[in-house]
Protein backbone atom coordinates (compact mmCIF):
# COMPACT_ATOMS: atom_id res chain seq x y z
CA MET A 1 19.47 -6.54 -27.21
CA ASN A 2 22.90 -6.79 -25.64
CA TRP A 3 22.01 -7.20 -21.98
CA ASN A 4 24.53 -5.78 -19.55
CA ASN A 5 24.49 -3.83 -16.30
CA THR A 6 23.45 -0.61 -18.00
CA THR A 7 20.78 -1.94 -20.35
CA ALA A 8 19.27 -4.34 -17.80
CA ARG A 9 18.95 -1.73 -15.08
CA ALA A 10 17.44 0.76 -17.54
CA ALA A 11 14.90 -1.85 -18.69
CA LEU A 12 13.88 -2.64 -15.12
CA ARG A 13 13.40 1.04 -14.37
CA ARG A 14 11.28 1.51 -17.53
CA CYS A 15 9.00 -1.33 -16.43
CA PHE A 16 8.68 0.10 -12.92
CA ASP A 17 7.84 3.54 -14.30
CA ALA A 18 5.21 2.02 -16.59
CA ALA A 19 3.59 0.31 -13.60
CA VAL A 20 3.44 3.56 -11.66
CA ARG A 21 2.00 5.49 -14.62
CA ALA A 22 -0.80 2.94 -14.95
CA ALA A 23 -1.92 3.78 -11.42
CA ASP A 24 -1.77 7.58 -11.77
CA PRO A 25 -5.18 9.02 -10.79
CA ARG A 26 -4.64 11.96 -13.13
CA SER A 27 -4.94 9.62 -16.10
CA VAL A 28 -7.53 7.09 -14.93
CA LEU A 29 -9.93 8.67 -12.40
CA ALA A 30 -12.16 10.76 -14.69
CA GLY A 31 -13.57 7.71 -16.43
CA TYR A 32 -15.05 6.39 -13.19
CA LEU A 33 -16.89 9.51 -12.03
CA PRO A 34 -20.68 9.18 -11.67
CA LEU A 35 -23.17 11.65 -13.07
CA PRO A 36 -23.44 14.76 -10.88
CA PRO A 37 -26.38 14.61 -8.46
CA LYS A 38 -29.34 16.94 -8.05
CA GLY A 39 -28.02 18.04 -4.69
CA ARG A 40 -24.62 18.66 -3.17
CA VAL A 41 -21.33 16.88 -3.88
CA VAL A 42 -19.24 16.30 -0.76
CA VAL A 43 -15.78 14.90 -1.44
CA VAL A 44 -13.96 13.09 1.36
CA GLY A 45 -11.15 10.62 1.46
CA ALA A 46 -7.85 9.41 2.81
CA GLY A 47 -4.68 7.85 1.54
CA LYS A 48 -1.33 8.56 -0.05
CA SER A 49 -3.15 9.37 -3.32
CA ALA A 50 -6.01 11.33 -1.78
CA ALA A 51 -4.76 14.80 -2.73
CA VAL A 52 -3.95 14.01 -6.35
CA MET A 53 -7.28 12.17 -6.64
CA ALA A 54 -9.04 15.29 -5.35
CA ALA A 55 -7.19 17.40 -7.91
CA ALA A 56 -8.27 14.98 -10.65
CA VAL A 57 -11.91 15.34 -9.55
CA GLU A 58 -11.65 19.12 -9.73
CA GLU A 59 -10.14 18.92 -13.21
CA ALA A 60 -12.84 16.54 -14.46
CA TRP A 61 -15.65 18.63 -12.92
CA PRO A 62 -14.45 22.22 -13.48
CA ASP A 63 -17.90 23.80 -13.03
CA GLN A 64 -19.39 21.46 -10.42
CA PRO A 65 -19.76 22.95 -6.92
CA LEU A 66 -17.67 20.80 -4.57
CA SER A 67 -16.94 20.80 -0.85
CA GLY A 68 -15.20 18.50 1.60
CA LEU A 69 -11.71 17.44 2.56
CA VAL A 70 -9.24 14.62 2.06
CA ILE A 71 -6.33 13.46 4.21
CA THR A 72 -2.95 12.51 2.78
CA ARG A 73 0.54 11.81 4.05
CA TYR A 74 2.95 14.61 4.88
CA GLY A 75 4.66 15.70 1.67
CA HIS A 76 1.92 14.26 -0.58
CA ALA A 77 -0.32 17.34 -0.92
CA VAL A 78 -0.99 18.95 -4.31
CA PRO A 79 -2.78 22.26 -5.01
CA THR A 80 -6.58 22.14 -5.03
CA ARG A 81 -9.17 24.92 -5.22
CA ARG A 82 -12.46 23.52 -3.91
CA ILE A 83 -11.52 20.41 -1.93
CA GLU A 84 -9.42 20.94 1.19
CA VAL A 85 -6.29 18.82 1.63
CA VAL A 86 -4.98 17.98 5.11
CA GLU A 87 -1.64 16.26 5.71
CA ALA A 88 -1.11 13.77 8.52
CA SER A 89 1.24 11.03 9.68
CA HIS A 90 1.74 7.54 8.24
CA PRO A 91 2.19 4.71 9.21
CA VAL A 92 1.54 5.72 12.82
CA PRO A 93 -1.41 8.14 13.17
CA ASP A 94 -1.10 11.59 14.73
CA ALA A 95 -3.30 14.37 16.07
CA ALA A 96 -3.60 16.03 12.66
CA GLY A 97 -5.09 12.86 11.18
CA GLU A 98 -7.40 12.41 14.13
CA ALA A 99 -8.74 15.98 13.87
CA ALA A 100 -9.19 15.67 10.11
CA ALA A 101 -10.99 12.33 10.47
CA ARG A 102 -13.43 13.94 12.87
CA ARG A 103 -14.09 16.66 10.29
CA VAL A 104 -14.57 14.07 7.53
CA LEU A 105 -17.20 12.29 9.61
CA LYS A 106 -18.99 15.56 10.31
CA ALA A 107 -18.88 16.59 6.63
CA VAL A 108 -21.03 13.63 5.52
CA GLN A 109 -23.73 14.00 8.17
CA ASP A 110 -27.11 15.72 7.69
CA LEU A 111 -27.19 15.04 3.94
CA THR A 112 -30.21 14.06 1.84
CA ALA A 113 -30.95 11.38 -0.72
CA ASP A 114 -30.28 13.97 -3.47
CA ASP A 115 -26.69 14.47 -2.28
CA LEU A 116 -23.57 12.57 -3.33
CA VAL A 117 -20.63 11.64 -1.13
CA LEU A 118 -17.61 10.94 -3.32
CA ALA A 119 -15.07 8.99 -1.27
CA LEU A 120 -11.48 8.90 -2.57
CA ILE A 121 -9.71 6.00 -0.90
CA SER A 122 -6.16 4.73 -1.34
CA GLY A 123 -3.39 2.95 0.51
CA GLY A 124 -2.35 4.47 3.81
CA GLY A 125 -5.86 5.71 4.54
CA SER A 126 -6.21 3.50 7.58
CA ALA A 127 -3.47 5.32 9.51
CA LEU A 128 -4.17 8.74 8.02
CA MET A 129 -7.88 8.78 8.90
CA ALA A 130 -7.61 7.53 12.46
CA LEU A 131 -10.56 8.28 14.71
CA ALA A 132 -10.67 6.12 17.82
CA ALA A 133 -13.85 4.39 18.94
CA GLU A 134 -15.63 5.82 21.97
CA GLY A 135 -13.59 5.26 25.14
CA LEU A 136 -10.27 5.01 23.28
CA THR A 137 -7.67 7.68 22.57
CA LEU A 138 -5.13 8.52 19.90
CA ASP A 139 -2.40 7.22 22.21
CA HIS A 140 -4.15 3.85 22.24
CA LYS A 141 -4.38 3.81 18.43
CA GLN A 142 -0.69 4.71 18.12
CA ALA A 143 0.39 1.98 20.50
CA VAL A 144 -1.66 -0.67 18.69
CA ASN A 145 -0.41 0.49 15.29
CA ARG A 146 3.21 0.22 16.35
CA ALA A 147 2.63 -3.24 17.77
CA LEU A 148 0.85 -4.42 14.64
CA LEU A 149 3.59 -3.09 12.36
CA ALA A 150 6.26 -5.00 14.29
CA SER A 151 4.23 -8.20 14.73
CA GLY A 152 4.49 -9.70 11.24
CA ALA A 153 0.71 -9.55 10.79
CA THR A 154 -0.60 -9.26 7.23
CA ILE A 155 -2.31 -6.10 6.08
CA GLN A 156 -5.63 -7.96 6.15
CA GLU A 157 -5.08 -8.89 9.79
CA MET A 158 -3.87 -5.44 10.80
CA ASN A 159 -6.86 -3.74 9.22
CA CYS A 160 -9.30 -6.16 10.82
CA VAL A 161 -8.03 -5.02 14.21
CA ARG A 162 -8.03 -1.36 13.15
CA ARG A 163 -11.66 -1.53 11.97
CA HIS A 164 -12.76 -2.67 15.40
CA LEU A 165 -10.98 0.15 17.18
CA SER A 166 -12.35 2.89 14.94
CA ALA A 167 -15.29 5.28 14.82
CA ILE A 168 -14.99 5.77 11.05
CA LYS A 169 -13.64 2.60 9.42
CA GLY A 170 -15.35 -0.67 8.57
CA GLY A 171 -18.33 0.98 6.84
CA ARG A 172 -18.99 3.53 9.56
CA LEU A 173 -18.28 6.50 7.26
CA ALA A 174 -20.87 5.36 4.70
CA ALA A 175 -23.37 4.63 7.47
CA ALA A 176 -22.94 8.17 8.77
CA ALA A 177 -23.64 9.54 5.26
CA HIS A 178 -27.00 7.78 4.90
CA PRO A 179 -29.35 8.58 3.11
CA ALA A 180 -26.92 10.29 0.70
CA ARG A 181 -25.59 8.25 -2.18
CA VAL A 182 -22.00 7.13 -1.56
CA VAL A 183 -19.63 6.40 -4.46
CA THR A 184 -16.11 5.26 -3.63
CA LEU A 185 -13.22 5.49 -6.07
CA ALA A 186 -10.35 3.42 -4.76
CA ILE A 187 -6.75 2.61 -5.56
CA SER A 188 -5.89 -0.82 -4.18
CA ASP A 189 -2.66 -1.41 -2.31
CA VAL A 190 -3.64 -4.74 -0.79
CA PRO A 191 -3.30 -8.32 -2.01
CA GLY A 192 -6.63 -9.47 -3.38
CA ASP A 193 -8.07 -5.94 -3.74
CA ASP A 194 -10.59 -6.55 -0.94
CA PRO A 195 -12.60 -3.31 -0.48
CA ALA A 196 -12.93 -4.03 3.25
CA VAL A 197 -9.14 -4.05 3.59
CA ILE A 198 -8.21 -1.01 1.48
CA ALA A 199 -7.78 1.77 4.08
CA SER A 200 -9.81 -0.48 6.42
CA GLY A 201 -12.95 -0.09 4.30
CA PRO A 202 -14.60 3.10 5.62
CA THR A 203 -17.41 2.97 3.02
CA VAL A 204 -18.07 -0.76 2.61
CA PRO A 205 -19.64 -3.44 4.83
CA ASP A 206 -17.27 -5.24 7.16
CA PRO A 207 -17.63 -9.05 7.18
CA SER A 208 -15.17 -9.49 10.06
CA SER A 209 -15.97 -9.47 13.75
CA PHE A 210 -14.63 -8.44 17.15
CA ALA A 211 -13.92 -12.13 17.76
CA GLU A 212 -11.65 -12.26 14.73
CA ALA A 213 -9.83 -9.13 15.86
CA ARG A 214 -9.24 -10.69 19.30
CA ALA A 215 -7.96 -13.89 17.68
CA ILE A 216 -5.42 -11.94 15.59
CA VAL A 217 -4.15 -10.12 18.67
CA ALA A 218 -3.81 -13.42 20.53
CA HIS A 219 -2.10 -15.18 17.61
CA TYR A 220 0.67 -12.59 17.40
CA GLY A 221 0.97 -12.16 21.16
CA ILE A 222 0.31 -8.43 20.96
CA GLU A 223 0.12 -6.68 24.31
CA LEU A 224 -2.75 -4.21 24.26
CA PRO A 225 -3.35 -1.20 26.50
CA PRO A 226 -6.04 -2.25 29.02
CA PRO A 227 -8.75 0.04 27.55
CA VAL A 228 -8.16 -1.44 24.09
CA ALA A 229 -8.36 -5.00 25.39
CA ALA A 230 -11.57 -4.11 27.24
CA HIS A 231 -13.06 -2.56 24.10
CA LEU A 232 -12.36 -5.66 22.02
CA SER A 233 -13.76 -7.92 24.75
CA ALA A 234 -16.94 -5.88 25.21
CA ALA A 235 -17.71 -5.90 21.46
CA ALA A 236 -20.43 -3.39 22.21
CA GLU A 237 -21.02 -2.04 18.71
CA GLU A 238 -20.18 -4.15 15.67
CA THR A 239 -19.24 -2.59 12.36
CA PRO A 240 -21.93 -2.42 9.63
CA LYS A 241 -22.31 -5.84 8.02
CA PRO A 242 -23.28 -6.94 4.50
CA GLY A 243 -26.98 -6.27 4.07
CA ASP A 244 -27.00 -3.18 6.28
CA PRO A 245 -29.66 -0.90 4.71
CA ARG A 246 -27.57 2.21 5.36
CA LEU A 247 -25.00 0.93 2.85
CA ALA A 248 -27.45 -0.50 0.33
CA GLY A 249 -26.98 2.28 -2.22
CA ALA A 250 -23.21 2.57 -1.92
CA ALA A 251 -21.07 1.91 -5.00
CA PHE A 252 -17.39 0.96 -5.04
CA HIS A 253 -15.04 1.21 -8.04
CA LEU A 254 -11.39 0.18 -8.27
CA ILE A 255 -9.64 2.67 -10.56
CA ALA A 256 -6.12 1.23 -10.18
CA THR A 257 -4.89 -2.11 -8.87
CA PRO A 258 -1.63 -4.07 -8.58
CA GLN A 259 -2.69 -6.32 -11.47
CA MET A 260 -3.29 -3.34 -13.76
CA ALA A 261 0.18 -2.05 -12.93
CA LEU A 262 1.84 -5.41 -13.57
CA GLU A 263 0.07 -5.73 -16.92
CA ALA A 264 1.39 -2.29 -17.91
CA ALA A 265 4.90 -3.40 -16.96
CA ALA A 266 4.44 -6.58 -18.99
CA ARG A 267 3.53 -4.55 -22.07
CA GLU A 268 6.68 -2.50 -21.59
CA ALA A 269 8.70 -5.71 -21.25
CA VAL A 270 7.39 -7.01 -24.59
CA ALA A 271 8.43 -3.73 -26.23
CA LEU A 272 11.92 -4.30 -24.83
CA GLY A 273 12.13 -7.79 -26.30
CA LEU A 274 11.59 -9.64 -23.01
CA ASN A 275 9.28 -12.56 -22.25
CA PRO A 276 7.16 -11.35 -19.31
CA VAL A 277 5.75 -13.76 -16.73
CA LEU A 278 3.21 -12.49 -14.19
CA LEU A 279 3.75 -14.58 -11.08
CA GLY A 280 0.87 -12.93 -9.22
CA ASP A 281 -0.28 -9.61 -7.82
CA ALA A 282 -0.82 -10.85 -4.28
CA LEU A 283 2.38 -12.56 -3.12
CA GLU A 284 2.75 -12.33 0.63
CA GLY A 285 4.91 -13.71 3.41
CA GLU A 286 8.18 -12.84 5.09
CA ALA A 287 10.11 -10.48 2.82
CA ARG A 288 13.48 -12.25 2.85
CA ILE A 289 11.85 -15.64 2.30
CA LEU A 290 9.94 -14.39 -0.73
CA GLY A 291 13.25 -13.13 -2.10
CA THR A 292 14.66 -16.63 -1.73
CA VAL A 293 11.66 -18.15 -3.52
CA LEU A 294 11.94 -15.70 -6.41
CA ALA A 295 15.64 -16.56 -6.77
CA GLY A 296 14.59 -20.20 -7.22
CA VAL A 297 12.21 -19.22 -10.01
CA ALA A 298 14.97 -17.20 -11.68
CA ARG A 299 17.27 -20.23 -11.55
CA SER A 300 14.55 -22.30 -13.21
CA VAL A 301 14.43 -19.83 -16.09
CA ARG A 302 18.19 -20.07 -16.54
CA THR A 303 18.40 -23.87 -16.15
CA HIS A 304 15.17 -25.15 -17.69
CA GLY A 305 13.62 -22.26 -19.61
CA HIS A 306 10.59 -22.36 -17.31
CA PRO A 307 8.23 -20.64 -16.66
CA ALA A 308 9.59 -18.78 -19.71
CA PRO A 309 12.76 -18.85 -21.78
CA ALA A 310 15.35 -16.13 -21.42
CA PRO A 311 15.39 -13.23 -21.89
CA ALA A 312 12.57 -13.24 -19.37
CA LEU A 313 11.08 -10.76 -16.92
CA LEU A 314 9.45 -12.18 -13.78
CA LEU A 315 6.86 -9.75 -12.43
CA SER A 316 5.06 -9.88 -9.11
CA GLY A 317 3.22 -7.68 -6.65
CA GLY A 318 1.68 -7.94 -3.22
CA GLU A 319 2.78 -6.98 0.25
CA THR A 320 5.36 -8.84 2.28
CA THR A 321 6.00 -8.50 5.98
CA VAL A 322 9.13 -7.95 8.05
CA THR A 323 8.95 -9.51 11.48
CA ILE A 324 11.19 -7.87 14.08
CA ARG A 325 11.98 -10.68 16.49
CA PRO A 326 13.01 -10.24 20.14
CA GLY A 327 16.75 -9.69 20.44
CA THR A 328 17.13 -8.08 17.02
CA PRO A 329 19.59 -5.15 17.25
CA GLU A 330 17.93 -1.76 17.05
CA GLY A 331 18.70 0.76 14.33
CA GLY A 332 18.05 -1.41 11.29
CA ARG A 333 17.13 0.62 8.21
CA GLY A 334 15.36 -0.90 5.27
CA GLY A 335 11.82 -1.48 4.10
CA ARG A 336 10.27 -4.73 3.02
CA ASN A 337 11.37 -4.31 -0.62
CA SER A 338 15.05 -3.82 0.12
CA GLU A 339 14.89 -6.73 2.58
CA SER A 340 13.25 -8.94 -0.02
CA LEU A 341 15.81 -7.86 -2.61
CA LEU A 342 18.74 -8.65 -0.32
CA GLY A 343 17.22 -12.07 0.38
CA PHE A 344 17.02 -12.57 -3.38
CA VAL A 345 20.62 -11.47 -3.93
CA LEU A 346 21.96 -13.95 -1.38
CA ALA A 347 19.87 -16.82 -2.73
CA ALA A 348 20.77 -15.99 -6.35
CA ALA A 349 24.53 -15.93 -5.69
CA GLY A 350 26.39 -17.24 -8.73
CA LEU A 351 23.48 -16.68 -11.10
CA GLU A 352 24.97 -14.54 -13.86
CA ASP A 353 23.06 -12.31 -16.27
CA CYS A 354 20.32 -11.72 -13.71
CA TRP A 355 19.14 -8.37 -12.36
CA ALA A 356 16.27 -7.45 -10.03
CA LEU A 357 14.35 -4.36 -8.99
CA MET A 358 12.04 -4.31 -5.99
CA ALA A 359 10.27 -1.13 -4.95
CA ASP A 360 7.10 0.30 -3.48
CA THR A 361 4.92 2.04 -6.05
CA ASP A 362 4.23 4.88 -3.60
CA GLY A 363 7.90 5.87 -3.74
CA ILE A 364 8.64 5.07 -0.09
CA ASP A 365 9.97 1.71 1.09
CA GLY A 366 9.18 1.48 4.77
CA SER A 367 10.33 4.64 6.52
CA GLU A 368 13.18 5.48 4.16
CA SER A 369 13.26 8.10 1.42
CA ASN A 370 13.83 5.60 -1.38
CA ALA A 371 11.22 3.54 -3.23
CA GLY A 372 13.38 0.43 -3.19
CA ALA A 373 16.56 -0.78 -4.82
CA VAL A 374 18.08 -2.59 -7.79
CA ALA A 375 20.66 -5.38 -7.80
CA GLY A 376 22.68 -7.38 -10.29
CA PRO A 377 25.06 -10.31 -10.50
CA ASP A 378 27.88 -8.14 -9.16
CA THR A 379 26.05 -6.89 -6.05
CA LEU A 380 27.62 -9.32 -3.57
CA ARG A 381 31.11 -8.77 -4.99
CA ARG A 382 30.73 -5.01 -4.76
CA ALA A 383 29.33 -5.28 -1.22
CA ALA A 384 32.27 -7.40 -0.08
CA ALA A 385 34.71 -4.95 -1.65
CA ALA A 386 33.04 -2.17 0.34
CA GLY A 387 33.43 -4.13 3.57
CA LEU A 388 29.72 -4.95 3.86
CA ASP A 389 28.51 -8.26 5.31
CA ALA A 390 25.30 -8.92 3.40
CA ARG A 391 24.09 -11.76 5.64
CA ALA A 392 24.70 -9.79 8.83
CA LEU A 393 22.88 -6.76 7.43
CA LEU A 394 19.92 -8.92 6.43
CA ALA A 395 19.77 -10.48 9.89
CA ALA A 396 19.74 -7.00 11.42
CA HIS A 397 17.00 -5.79 9.03
CA ASN A 398 19.51 -3.25 7.75
CA SER A 399 19.33 -3.94 4.02
CA HIS A 400 19.05 -0.24 3.21
CA ALA A 401 22.62 0.27 4.41
CA LEU A 402 23.93 -2.09 1.74
CA PHE A 403 22.05 -0.69 -1.24
CA ASP A 404 22.58 2.89 -0.12
CA ARG A 405 26.34 2.35 0.18
CA LEU A 406 26.42 0.81 -3.31
CA ASP A 407 24.34 3.69 -4.72
CA ASP A 408 21.72 1.16 -5.82
CA THR A 409 18.67 2.70 -4.16
CA ILE A 410 15.80 3.95 -6.33
CA VAL A 411 14.66 7.43 -5.39
CA THR A 412 11.49 8.72 -7.02
CA GLY A 413 10.01 10.91 -4.33
CA PRO A 414 6.30 10.45 -3.53
CA THR A 415 4.60 9.07 -6.66
CA LEU A 416 1.16 10.12 -5.33
CA THR A 417 -0.24 6.69 -6.04
CA ASN A 418 0.08 3.29 -4.38
CA VAL A 419 -0.62 -0.14 -5.82
CA ASN A 420 1.68 -1.93 -3.43
CA ASP A 421 5.03 -3.54 -4.03
CA PHE A 422 6.52 -4.08 -7.49
CA ARG A 423 9.12 -6.75 -8.19
CA ALA A 424 10.81 -7.37 -11.51
CA ILE A 425 13.58 -9.90 -12.20
CA LEU A 426 15.35 -9.90 -15.56
CA ILE A 427 17.12 -13.08 -16.65
CA ALA A 428 19.05 -12.44 -19.88
């Protein structure tokens, strides 16, 4: 193929779309449903995919009596007939999510061993299904969430703290459903696909402790509201641990993961005549630094033909972090994918015949309306011609301004799934 700006960008978009399709609950969920129980089926859940997952359950079980509710992000609801859908705020929880979480917890209580709780869990569920532990309030949860998001903590660390401030996470939802059978169908948005981390693990045992949560807070220097600090110090009621009899019959199934999405993109790359290389589905770290590292790998392809000869497509997933340091100017716009992409562009300066796409598979990069952005060998030249200082924008965490001005953002709208970040680099 004659690789140029048009063909390369189209190829990257085809691979991204293939990754998103591979994680669509409407095409994968039905195959993971258990046999219907003798008793009731109560469907609960939370996450950016919760509504479309609920709709997929209804389609797969058209005649099965169903009740319950799921919580999804504002703008992510889809029509359902038997399972209620509630919208709430993400990434900082709100009163709608708190009220819905309370209803979810009540819906699974007073069930029998003949009943089934079907839990539909996906990325974003931790903020969407926010029910504070006894003695804490929604204001406390909001303050801690904002501090965690700005701290540079990994998703594993953030959700460890969240589990220990919650009345529903860290296995507490499944414990409340005992003795009913609990089956969780989950879409992973976290590096490593750890069930305890996905939406803070409401239906699985929690191996972490209050002590670990306190250590994370101390490591990042997070200032906690006094009641939150007192709650973590008291450690009065630990989360259900592995071996807890209330969770003994619970089953957990991953129906879509970052690796599955990357493999789908790799198949699309082969069809396009590219040599795909999967660098990993769990790459983490500071967003701009990861961009720099990926630029080094791209240069290796061009210079040495490693880890694959050109035309090659470097694929990776995972979740980076953006640390807002003291003194950083306010008003920066740009999620972790656009920041990682701008870091890549600067580090790959002078590398011709190289294009990159970095986007969030949920369709929303950070707090912006775009999924991410695409860049090519002419990005820095075009930015300079438009009067944009790429390094200054990166330092101000304002990468969105650059890609938006160049009309290089990727806008999909909510994809109604979420298998974390997707990065593809084409070296022709």
